[in-house]
Protein backbone atom coordinates (compact mmCIF):
# COMPACT_ATOMS: atom_id res chain seq x y z
CA UNK A 1 -16.39 172.23 62.19
CA UNK A 2 -20.32 173.12 60.81
CA UNK A 3 -23.28 171.33 60.28
CA UNK A 4 -23.76 169.78 57.15
CA UNK A 5 -27.79 171.37 56.51
CA UNK A 6 -26.17 174.22 57.71
CA UNK A 7 -22.92 174.60 55.43
CA UNK A 8 -25.71 173.50 52.19
CA UNK A 9 -28.23 176.24 53.69
CA UNK A 10 -25.44 179.34 53.57
CA UNK A 11 -24.11 177.69 49.96
CA UNK A 12 -27.55 177.97 48.56
CA UNK A 13 -27.77 181.70 49.78
CA UNK A 14 -24.21 182.85 48.59
CA UNK A 15 -25.03 181.01 44.97
CA UNK A 16 -28.60 183.06 44.92
CA UNK A 17 -27.31 186.29 46.10
CA UNK A 18 -23.62 186.26 44.71
CA UNK A 19 -22.50 187.42 48.28
CA UNK A 20 -20.43 186.10 50.70
CA UNK A 21 -22.75 185.16 53.95
CA UNK A 22 -20.80 184.60 57.61
CA UNK A 23 -21.89 182.49 60.50
CA UNK A 24 -20.12 183.54 64.05
CA UNK A 25 -20.75 180.15 65.98
CA UNK A 26 -19.96 179.79 69.68
CA UNK A 27 -19.02 176.18 71.15
CA UNK A 28 -22.17 175.40 71.92
CA UNK A 29 -23.09 175.51 68.15
CA UNK A 30 -25.23 178.27 68.92
CA UNK A 31 -25.16 181.18 65.80
CA UNK A 32 -24.06 183.85 67.50
CA UNK A 33 -24.10 186.29 63.96
CA UNK A 34 -25.03 185.86 60.64
CA UNK A 35 -23.00 188.39 58.55
CA UNK A 36 -23.84 188.80 54.82
CA UNK A 37 -20.84 190.61 53.01
CA UNK A 38 -19.61 191.85 49.35
CA UNK A 39 -18.91 188.85 47.22
CA UNK A 40 -15.31 188.61 48.17
CA UNK A 41 -15.04 189.63 51.70
CA UNK A 42 -16.67 190.53 55.15
CA UNK A 43 -17.21 193.00 57.88
CA UNK A 44 -17.34 191.36 61.18
CA UNK A 45 -18.68 192.96 63.83
CA UNK A 46 -17.70 193.86 67.32
CA UNK A 47 -17.57 191.65 69.54
CA UNK A 48 -16.47 193.05 72.64
CA UNK A 49 -18.87 191.22 74.61
CA UNK A 50 -17.83 187.79 74.01
CA UNK A 51 -14.81 186.42 76.52
CA UNK A 52 -11.29 187.58 76.37
CA UNK A 53 -8.33 186.78 78.84
CA UNK A 54 -4.47 186.22 78.39
CA UNK A 55 -4.28 182.55 76.85
CA UNK A 56 -7.72 181.98 76.04
CA UNK A 57 -9.39 182.12 72.40
CA UNK A 58 -12.71 183.93 71.80
CA UNK A 59 -15.23 181.29 71.76
CA UNK A 60 -15.59 181.77 68.28
CA UNK A 61 -15.62 180.77 64.97
CA UNK A 62 -15.93 182.21 61.69
CA UNK A 63 -17.32 180.11 58.99
CA UNK A 64 -18.00 181.77 56.14
CA UNK A 65 -19.06 180.89 52.06
CA UNK A 66 -15.89 180.60 49.10
CA UNK A 67 -16.94 181.15 45.65
CA UNK A 68 -15.69 178.57 42.94
CA UNK A 69 -11.77 178.27 43.23
CA UNK A 70 -11.17 180.29 46.18
CA UNK A 71 -9.72 179.85 48.97
CA UNK A 72 -9.34 181.08 52.87
CA UNK A 73 -6.73 184.29 52.40
CA UNK A 74 -4.31 186.48 54.29
CA UNK A 75 -7.23 188.50 55.38
CA UNK A 76 -8.66 185.36 56.93
CA UNK A 77 -5.46 184.61 59.30
CA UNK A 78 -4.92 188.60 60.05
CA UNK A 79 -8.90 188.12 61.05
CA UNK A 80 -7.89 184.46 62.93
CA UNK A 81 -4.89 186.14 64.59
CA UNK A 82 -6.25 189.60 65.83
CA UNK A 83 -9.44 188.44 67.17
CA UNK A 84 -8.06 185.17 68.60
CA UNK A 85 -10.66 183.30 66.74
CA UNK A 86 -11.14 179.33 67.75
CA UNK A 87 -10.98 178.95 63.48
CA UNK A 88 -11.63 180.23 60.56
CA UNK A 89 -13.71 177.91 57.86
CA UNK A 90 -14.39 178.35 54.32
CA UNK A 91 -16.98 176.42 52.60
CA UNK A 92 -16.26 176.47 48.87
CA UNK A 93 -19.56 176.37 46.87
CA UNK A 94 -19.90 175.77 43.18
CA UNK A 95 -21.68 177.98 40.23
CA UNK A 96 -24.72 176.16 41.28
CA UNK A 97 -24.59 177.18 44.58
CA UNK A 98 -23.91 173.13 46.26
CA UNK A 99 -21.07 172.72 49.10
CA UNK A 100 -18.30 170.95 47.36
CA UNK A 101 -15.37 171.39 49.70
CA UNK A 102 -14.15 172.51 53.09
CA UNK A 103 -11.47 174.11 54.76
CA UNK A 104 -10.51 175.84 58.12
CA UNK A 105 -7.11 177.29 60.04
CA UNK A 106 -6.66 177.73 63.68
CA UNK A 107 -3.99 179.20 65.77
CA UNK A 108 -0.79 177.14 67.21
CA UNK A 109 0.77 177.37 70.57
CA UNK A 110 3.95 176.57 69.65
CA UNK A 111 4.81 177.42 65.72
CA UNK A 112 5.61 175.04 63.74
CA UNK A 113 7.54 174.71 60.78
CA UNK A 114 7.80 178.27 61.21
CA UNK A 115 3.95 178.98 61.04
CA UNK A 116 2.10 180.24 63.09
CA UNK A 117 -0.88 178.62 61.72
CA UNK A 118 -1.97 175.37 60.87
CA UNK A 119 -4.57 174.53 57.96
CA UNK A 120 -6.97 172.03 57.34
CA UNK A 121 -7.98 170.15 54.31
CA UNK A 122 -9.22 171.31 52.00
CA UNK A 123 -11.42 168.42 52.36
CA UNK A 124 -14.69 167.13 50.43
CA UNK A 125 -17.29 168.94 52.38
CA UNK A 126 -19.13 165.47 53.12
CA UNK A 127 -16.39 164.35 54.15
CA UNK A 128 -15.21 167.06 57.25
CA UNK A 129 -17.71 165.68 59.30
CA UNK A 130 -16.17 162.66 59.97
CA UNK A 131 -12.52 163.75 60.03
CA UNK A 132 -12.07 166.68 62.40
CA UNK A 133 -13.57 166.45 65.91
CA UNK A 134 -13.59 170.17 66.12
CA UNK A 135 -14.61 170.75 69.51
CA UNK A 136 -12.22 168.20 70.86
CA UNK A 137 -9.18 169.83 68.77
CA UNK A 138 -9.88 173.54 70.02
CA UNK A 139 -9.86 172.89 73.74
CA UNK A 140 -6.53 170.77 73.37
CA UNK A 141 -5.13 173.71 71.69
CA UNK A 142 -6.77 176.08 74.45
CA UNK A 143 -5.34 173.50 77.38
CA UNK A 144 -1.88 173.87 75.52
CA UNK A 145 -2.06 178.22 75.74
CA UNK A 146 -3.19 178.35 78.72
CA UNK A 147 -0.28 175.66 80.27
CA UNK A 148 1.72 178.26 78.43
CA UNK A 149 0.55 180.97 80.39
CA UNK A 150 0.99 178.64 83.56
CA UNK A 151 4.89 178.73 82.49
CA UNK A 152 5.07 182.33 81.77
CA UNK A 153 3.08 183.14 85.57
CA UNK A 154 6.19 181.03 87.05
CA UNK A 155 8.67 183.05 85.43
CA UNK A 156 7.73 186.26 87.54
CA UNK A 157 4.84 188.53 88.59
CA UNK A 158 4.53 191.52 86.32
CA UNK A 159 2.62 192.49 83.26
CA UNK A 160 4.39 190.70 79.79
CA UNK A 161 5.58 193.36 77.11
CA UNK A 162 6.57 193.28 73.24
CA UNK A 163 8.19 195.99 72.14
CA UNK A 164 7.62 196.78 68.45
CA UNK A 165 9.57 199.41 66.12
CA UNK A 166 8.29 200.65 63.34
CA UNK A 167 11.30 202.98 61.83
CA UNK A 168 13.05 204.03 58.95
CA UNK A 169 16.45 204.23 61.08
CA UNK A 170 19.21 201.88 60.29
CA UNK A 171 19.19 198.53 62.12
CA UNK A 172 21.87 199.10 64.92
CA UNK A 173 20.46 201.90 65.57
CA UNK A 174 17.11 200.48 66.02
CA UNK A 175 18.78 197.50 68.18
CA UNK A 176 20.03 200.39 70.08
CA UNK A 177 17.00 202.18 71.03
CA UNK A 178 15.16 198.54 71.54
CA UNK A 179 17.82 197.93 74.48
CA UNK A 180 17.11 201.38 75.86
CA UNK A 181 13.10 200.63 75.91
CA UNK A 182 13.88 197.41 77.00
CA UNK A 183 15.25 199.16 80.33
CA UNK A 184 12.82 201.75 80.66
CA UNK A 185 10.36 199.11 80.68
CA UNK A 186 12.13 196.94 83.16
CA UNK A 187 12.49 199.82 85.20
CA UNK A 188 8.77 200.04 85.10
CA UNK A 189 8.60 196.12 86.56
CA UNK A 190 7.72 194.88 83.52
CA UNK A 191 9.03 191.69 82.20
CA UNK A 192 10.25 192.12 77.69
CA UNK A 193 9.09 188.89 76.20
CA UNK A 194 9.93 189.72 72.72
CA UNK A 195 10.84 192.10 70.13
CA UNK A 196 10.00 193.00 66.24
CA UNK A 197 11.51 195.35 64.15
CA UNK A 198 9.86 196.54 61.36
CA UNK A 199 11.74 198.85 58.61
CA UNK A 200 9.33 201.45 57.38
CA UNK A 201 9.27 203.53 53.73
CA UNK A 202 7.70 206.42 55.73
CA UNK A 203 6.88 207.18 59.36
CA UNK A 204 3.68 208.43 60.23
CA UNK A 205 1.46 206.51 58.89
CA UNK A 206 -2.06 206.49 59.99
CA UNK A 207 -1.89 202.73 60.25
CA UNK A 208 1.46 202.34 60.83
CA UNK A 209 1.70 198.58 60.28
CA UNK A 210 0.00 196.21 57.82
CA UNK A 211 -2.76 194.12 58.90
CA UNK A 212 -0.80 190.66 58.04
CA UNK A 213 2.57 192.26 60.45
CA UNK A 214 0.00 193.20 63.29
CA UNK A 215 -1.09 189.38 62.93
CA UNK A 216 1.94 187.67 63.26
CA UNK A 217 2.87 190.37 65.94
CA UNK A 218 -0.47 189.12 67.71
CA UNK A 219 0.29 185.68 67.32
CA UNK A 220 3.65 186.14 69.28
CA UNK A 221 2.02 188.17 71.96
CA UNK A 222 -0.46 185.52 72.43
CA UNK A 223 2.28 182.75 72.24
CA UNK A 224 4.69 184.43 75.02
CA UNK A 225 2.02 185.18 77.41
CA UNK A 226 2.05 188.86 76.19
CA UNK A 227 -0.24 191.25 76.95
CA UNK A 228 1.17 194.79 75.96
CA UNK A 229 2.48 196.01 73.69
CA UNK A 230 5.07 198.41 73.69
CA UNK A 231 6.15 200.92 70.47
CA UNK A 232 9.32 202.59 70.49
CA UNK A 233 7.89 205.36 68.63
CA UNK A 234 5.14 208.12 69.65
CA UNK A 235 1.62 206.94 68.57
CA UNK A 236 -0.92 209.80 67.16
CA UNK A 237 -4.45 209.66 68.01
CA UNK A 238 -5.34 207.87 64.20
CA UNK A 239 -2.60 205.07 64.60
CA UNK A 240 -3.71 204.42 68.48
CA UNK A 241 -7.50 204.67 67.34
CA UNK A 242 -6.63 201.87 64.80
CA UNK A 243 -4.38 199.98 66.70
CA UNK A 244 -6.87 199.39 69.50
CA UNK A 245 -9.91 198.62 66.66
CA UNK A 246 -7.24 195.68 65.61
CA UNK A 247 -6.39 194.07 68.63
CA UNK A 248 -7.44 193.54 71.88
CA UNK A 249 -3.96 193.81 73.30
CA UNK A 250 -3.45 197.01 75.28
CA UNK A 251 -1.08 199.62 73.47
CA UNK A 252 1.25 202.02 74.76
CA UNK A 253 4.35 204.31 73.59
CA UNK A 254 7.34 205.19 74.49
CA UNK A 255 5.93 208.31 75.51
CA UNK A 256 3.20 206.72 77.75
CA UNK A 257 6.04 204.50 79.30
CA UNK A 258 8.09 207.06 80.53
CA UNK A 259 5.45 208.91 81.67
CA UNK A 260 3.93 206.00 83.85
CA UNK A 261 7.33 205.39 85.30
CA UNK A 262 8.00 209.03 85.97
CA UNK A 263 4.99 208.95 88.04
CA UNK A 264 6.13 205.98 90.09
CA UNK A 265 9.12 207.53 90.52
CA UNK A 266 7.89 210.67 91.69
CA UNK A 267 7.58 211.76 95.41
CA UNK A 268 7.04 215.02 96.28
CA UNK A 269 4.46 216.88 95.36
CA UNK A 270 6.07 219.10 93.20
CA UNK A 271 6.97 215.89 91.13
CA UNK A 272 3.46 214.44 91.01
CA UNK A 273 2.14 217.44 89.87
CA UNK A 274 4.39 217.56 86.92
CA UNK A 275 3.78 214.09 86.20
CA UNK A 276 0.09 214.56 86.78
CA UNK A 277 0.25 217.72 83.92
CA UNK A 278 2.42 215.89 81.39
CA UNK A 279 0.32 212.90 81.32
CA UNK A 280 -2.79 215.49 80.80
CA UNK A 281 -0.94 217.11 77.95
CA UNK A 282 -0.53 214.41 76.32
CA UNK A 283 -3.50 212.09 76.71
CA UNK A 284 -5.54 215.58 75.38
CA UNK A 285 -5.38 214.73 71.73
CA UNK A 286 -6.14 211.16 72.48
CA UNK A 287 -9.60 211.59 73.42
CA UNK A 288 -10.50 211.07 70.40
CA UNK A 289 -13.50 208.04 70.74
CA UNK A 290 -16.76 209.74 71.03
CA UNK A 291 -19.55 208.40 73.03
CA UNK A 292 -23.03 209.80 72.18
CA UNK A 293 -24.85 207.02 74.51
CA UNK A 294 -23.41 209.02 77.61
CA UNK A 295 -24.59 212.09 76.33
CA UNK A 296 -26.90 213.87 79.73
CA UNK A 297 -28.81 216.48 79.34
CA UNK A 298 -28.58 220.01 81.52
CA UNK A 299 -32.25 221.84 82.46
CA UNK A 300 -32.44 225.84 82.94
CA UNK A 301 -31.85 229.10 80.93
CA UNK A 302 -29.32 228.34 78.35
CA UNK A 303 -28.54 224.61 79.24
CA UNK A 304 -31.23 222.98 76.66
CA UNK A 305 -30.21 220.79 74.45
CA UNK A 306 -28.37 217.29 74.00
CA UNK A 307 -25.80 218.70 76.60
CA UNK A 308 -22.06 217.47 76.73
CA UNK A 309 -20.89 214.06 75.07
CA UNK A 310 -19.15 212.01 77.35
CA UNK A 311 -16.07 212.91 75.54
CA UNK A 312 -16.43 217.11 75.17
CA UNK A 313 -16.87 216.35 79.45
CA UNK A 314 -13.53 214.25 79.31
CA UNK A 315 -11.45 217.02 77.57
CA UNK A 316 -13.22 220.02 79.76
CA UNK A 317 -12.55 218.33 82.57
CA UNK A 318 -8.92 217.62 81.72
CA UNK A 319 -8.07 221.46 80.43
CA UNK A 320 -9.49 222.64 83.49
CA UNK A 321 -6.91 219.94 85.60
CA UNK A 322 -4.44 221.11 82.98
CA UNK A 323 -5.60 225.08 84.47
CA UNK A 324 -5.34 224.38 87.78
CA UNK A 325 -1.91 222.01 87.94
CA UNK A 326 0.03 225.17 85.91
CA UNK A 327 -1.33 227.44 88.39
CA UNK A 328 0.34 225.18 91.24
CA UNK A 329 3.46 224.87 89.31
CA UNK A 330 3.83 228.78 88.98
CA UNK A 331 3.55 228.91 92.79
CA UNK A 332 6.37 226.71 92.70
CA UNK A 333 8.28 228.69 90.64
CA UNK A 334 7.56 231.69 92.37
CA UNK A 335 8.84 229.67 95.36
CA UNK A 336 12.03 228.53 93.87
CA UNK A 337 12.61 232.07 92.48
CA UNK A 338 13.29 233.88 96.18
CA UNK A 339 15.31 230.69 97.29
CA UNK A 340 17.64 231.47 94.19
CA UNK A 341 17.71 235.21 95.21
CA UNK A 342 18.23 234.21 98.59
CA UNK A 343 21.22 232.13 97.29
CA UNK A 344 22.56 235.00 94.98
CA UNK A 345 22.61 237.45 97.73
CA UNK A 346 24.90 235.22 100.22
CA UNK A 347 26.73 234.51 96.76
CA UNK A 348 27.06 230.65 97.07
CA UNK A 349 28.01 229.24 94.00
CA UNK A 350 25.39 226.41 92.89
CA UNK A 351 27.09 223.18 90.86
CA UNK A 352 24.37 221.49 89.49
CA UNK A 353 25.08 217.58 88.29
CA UNK A 354 23.34 216.41 85.01
CA UNK A 355 23.98 213.92 82.88
CA UNK A 356 21.95 210.82 80.86
CA UNK A 357 19.53 208.91 83.44
CA UNK A 358 21.62 206.22 85.13
CA UNK A 359 24.71 208.38 84.52
CA UNK A 360 25.35 207.50 88.69
CA UNK A 361 24.60 211.46 88.98
CA UNK A 362 22.37 210.51 93.06
CA UNK A 363 25.51 208.10 93.77
CA UNK A 364 28.38 210.96 92.97
CA UNK A 365 25.95 213.57 95.28
CA UNK A 366 26.07 211.14 97.97
CA UNK A 367 29.77 210.05 97.87
CA UNK A 368 30.73 213.76 98.00
CA UNK A 369 28.31 215.09 100.39
CA UNK A 370 27.83 212.12 102.45
CA UNK A 371 24.19 212.03 101.79
CA UNK A 372 21.82 209.37 101.88
CA UNK A 373 19.78 210.15 98.52
CA UNK A 374 18.20 207.38 97.35
CA UNK A 375 19.81 205.31 94.91
CA UNK A 376 19.13 202.28 92.18
CA UNK A 377 20.66 200.89 89.15
CA UNK A 378 17.49 201.56 87.31
CA UNK A 379 16.91 204.25 84.85
CA UNK A 380 14.92 207.79 86.70
CA UNK A 381 15.54 205.92 89.99
CA UNK A 382 14.89 209.51 91.45
CA UNK A 383 12.98 212.70 90.11
CA UNK A 384 13.13 215.26 92.79
CA UNK A 385 16.40 217.68 92.28
CA UNK A 386 17.98 217.15 95.75
CA UNK A 387 20.50 220.20 96.94
CA UNK A 388 23.35 219.71 99.40
CA UNK A 389 26.47 221.95 100.88
CA UNK A 390 29.67 221.23 100.29
CA UNK A 391 32.35 223.65 102.20
CA UNK A 392 35.53 224.27 100.65
CA UNK A 393 38.95 225.99 102.82
CA UNK A 394 38.54 229.57 103.43
CA UNK A 395 35.04 229.77 104.41
CA UNK A 396 33.93 228.61 101.08
CA UNK A 397 31.02 226.55 100.50
CA UNK A 398 28.78 225.37 97.18
CA UNK A 399 25.45 224.22 96.66
CA UNK A 400 25.36 220.90 94.45
CA UNK A 401 22.37 220.04 92.86
CA UNK A 402 21.25 216.87 91.51
CA UNK A 403 18.85 217.08 88.59
CA UNK A 404 16.50 214.44 86.42
CA UNK A 405 18.11 212.61 83.78
CA UNK A 406 18.11 212.92 80.07
CA UNK A 407 17.29 210.32 77.55
CA UNK A 408 16.42 210.05 73.73
CA UNK A 409 13.36 211.84 72.84
CA UNK A 410 12.30 212.89 76.35
CA UNK A 411 8.71 214.33 75.80
CA UNK A 412 8.21 217.63 75.42
CA UNK A 413 5.22 217.55 77.35
CA UNK A 414 7.25 216.59 80.20
CA UNK A 415 10.17 218.63 79.76
CA UNK A 416 7.54 221.34 80.21
CA UNK A 417 6.09 220.15 83.24
CA UNK A 418 9.33 219.56 84.69
CA UNK A 419 10.44 223.57 83.45
CA UNK A 420 10.43 224.69 87.45
CA UNK A 421 12.84 222.01 88.49
CA UNK A 422 15.01 222.18 85.49
CA UNK A 423 15.18 226.21 85.72
CA UNK A 424 17.26 225.47 88.53
CA UNK A 425 19.90 224.99 85.63
CA UNK A 426 19.58 228.24 84.57
CA UNK A 427 21.27 229.76 87.95
CA UNK A 428 23.68 227.16 88.08
CA UNK A 429 27.86 228.22 88.08
CA UNK A 430 29.10 225.66 86.98
CA UNK A 431 27.63 222.26 85.55
CA UNK A 432 28.94 218.52 86.00
CA UNK A 433 28.20 216.94 82.85
CA UNK A 434 28.17 212.94 84.10
CA UNK A 435 28.59 210.31 81.42
CA UNK A 436 28.98 206.51 81.99
CA UNK A 437 32.08 205.52 80.42
CA UNK A 438 30.95 201.78 80.55
CA UNK A 439 27.70 202.20 78.69
CA UNK A 440 28.54 201.09 74.69
CA UNK A 441 26.34 204.32 73.89
CA UNK A 442 27.97 206.76 76.02
CA UNK A 443 28.61 208.74 73.10
CA UNK A 444 24.95 208.96 71.83
CA UNK A 445 23.94 209.90 75.22
CA UNK A 446 26.61 212.75 75.23
CA UNK A 447 24.69 213.78 72.40
CA UNK A 448 21.54 213.80 73.83
CA UNK A 449 22.40 215.80 76.93
CA UNK A 450 24.29 218.33 74.75
CA UNK A 451 20.96 218.48 72.47
CA UNK A 452 18.96 219.16 75.51
CA UNK A 453 21.07 222.16 77.01
CA UNK A 454 20.91 223.90 73.66
CA UNK A 455 17.06 223.42 73.64
CA UNK A 456 16.92 224.22 77.10
CA UNK A 457 19.11 227.68 76.40
CA UNK A 458 21.98 226.60 78.88
CA UNK A 459 24.73 225.52 76.50
CA UNK A 460 26.55 229.12 77.93
CA UNK A 461 26.59 227.85 81.23
CA UNK A 462 30.79 226.39 82.05
CA UNK A 463 30.60 222.82 82.26
CA UNK A 464 32.83 219.62 83.53
CA UNK A 465 33.04 216.42 81.57
CA UNK A 466 33.50 213.88 84.09
CA UNK A 467 33.86 209.89 83.15
CA UNK A 468 32.06 207.88 85.59
CA UNK A 469 32.40 204.29 86.22
CA UNK A 470 35.93 203.99 84.93
CA UNK A 471 36.21 201.11 87.13
CA UNK A 472 34.58 199.08 85.04
CA UNK A 473 36.36 199.76 81.46
CA UNK A 474 39.96 199.26 80.60
CA UNK A 475 42.27 201.97 81.98
CA UNK A 476 43.80 202.09 78.29
CA UNK A 477 39.81 203.18 76.63
CA UNK A 478 39.22 205.80 79.93
CA UNK A 479 42.72 207.30 78.82
CA UNK A 480 42.28 207.44 75.46
CA UNK A 481 38.66 208.48 75.96
CA UNK A 482 39.36 211.25 77.93
CA UNK A 483 41.24 212.95 76.37
CA UNK A 484 39.43 212.91 72.89
CA UNK A 485 36.39 214.52 75.09
CA UNK A 486 38.68 216.95 77.51
CA UNK A 487 36.87 214.73 80.43
CA UNK A 488 38.11 214.09 84.03
CA UNK A 489 37.69 210.31 84.83
CA UNK A 490 36.36 209.13 88.25
CA UNK A 491 34.48 205.93 90.27
CA UNK A 492 31.57 207.88 92.41
CA UNK A 493 31.56 204.94 94.35
CA UNK A 494 35.48 205.65 94.84
CA UNK A 495 36.57 208.70 96.88
CA UNK A 496 39.66 208.95 96.37
CA UNK A 497 39.15 208.82 92.72
CA UNK A 498 37.13 212.69 93.40
CA UNK A 499 40.09 215.04 94.27
CA UNK A 500 40.90 216.16 90.51
CA UNK A 501 37.54 216.27 89.93
CA UNK A 502 36.97 218.89 93.44
CA UNK A 503 40.40 220.75 92.59
CA UNK A 504 38.67 221.18 89.47
CA UNK A 505 35.76 222.55 90.50
CA UNK A 506 37.67 224.99 92.86
CA UNK A 507 40.05 225.93 90.14
CA UNK A 508 36.77 226.88 87.73
CA UNK A 509 34.74 228.91 90.74
CA UNK A 510 37.63 230.10 92.24
CA UNK A 511 40.63 231.15 89.53
CA UNK A 512 43.40 231.64 91.78
CA UNK A 513 45.56 228.82 92.07
CA UNK A 514 44.84 227.12 95.18
CA UNK A 515 46.86 223.75 94.95
CA UNK A 516 47.94 223.80 98.85
CA UNK A 517 44.67 223.18 99.91
CA UNK A 518 44.07 219.61 98.75
CA UNK A 519 40.31 218.58 100.27
CA UNK A 520 40.14 215.80 101.95
CA UNK A 521 36.74 213.60 102.95
CA UNK A 522 33.86 215.25 103.87
CA UNK A 523 32.11 214.19 107.43
CA UNK A 524 28.41 214.80 106.81
CA UNK A 525 26.02 216.50 104.57
CA UNK A 526 26.81 219.58 105.56
CA UNK A 527 30.65 218.59 104.57
CA UNK A 528 33.72 220.28 104.87
CA UNK A 529 36.82 219.90 102.24
CA UNK A 530 39.73 220.26 104.48
């Protein structure tokens, strides 16, 4: 773990100065850093230039002195985990500055008796060379980590993520939110390998997690082969900085995950503009790390001085890009306004399908209009709005529109960016609020959609509550919930179940009785009901 001469030397220096002396030593025995700390703690330098990889340790061990009667503490264990050190080793000295005992700790590939860390000693200092073959021990441990990583790789491709919730909410609600976060992650082609819920007395702390708790999470991530932590809560700039300064794992929050998912799903130019705009607005406050080494000089009149730092350049470019994207979206709004005016002049009613994501909106549109809109059993499978005409008897027709799905805590920047899309709802004559009744959380989904409609000031538009996927729920439950919410129940895949819904749409748009004209199956994309 450490040679006897070096151990004696740092103990003597610590005794003379009254300070803690630390060494960072690589596996060849080279001392990379000498650290002089305070009597009871050390400040470990930046280790970014040293190796990092999944299933790999840092290749450095930390050796430091301990005062008489002192032992390795929780901070040492946290540093071991967060920095993925080979080991942390303490050399205890006596009052005369002589090394008397030694102890160590290292990470375990698999938990042992409920612990992720194995301790060595304390043992007499002079026996430590004989009792511990350190290099063989660490190499065997890393082989075990590598084997675990290989097993994780066999399990499938894609980044592996651990879900983390730090919340003041009751446990049941936290579990629901983590379930949904797991769906979001899987929809974004991530593999969820674990989840951790931590209760908090208050939200918004600058550190979010205590160092000890974060070290536990990092150890579990190492053991499970995770390279990404996804927080269910939105992280503020100071929390992001504190977390990324503490661990080398990639860290994102719920909003970043949703934005990334939207970026994957956007197909049209408009959708891509909207997502990029939301991403830039979200990332702008997170540009907090200054890098004065990247400053550039500018010449000419009015251009003298140190110039802009990289941080300022990034912020300025982000703001300029935001302005350009907003200008492009304004053109989209004007174009949509013209299209809506043409529809209004023709007096064609607009019926918009809204609902929680993955409720079956695109499937319903396809079944009613015989369309081929992309459908997949994943969250936010489609983002770009789709409209189709649906003809009724007596030369009547409607425009049926499928809209982007809603979700818990839909990012404000995303709602703002998609306002051009959501503006279509303002001109709707009728809203079909589609609900996946087979989802155990459907009542909360209804609340989310209603709240977003209120926020968008669209709650005045008439709407029909429609329970979808009735074939996946017992008829008794469907009947009870339909009566409670005054809803119609359907299966969007079964045309026969849609007849009551079509009659209700017809009754709402054209109030006169039309029971004699029963709609039948549509035949094409501009479908006609006979």
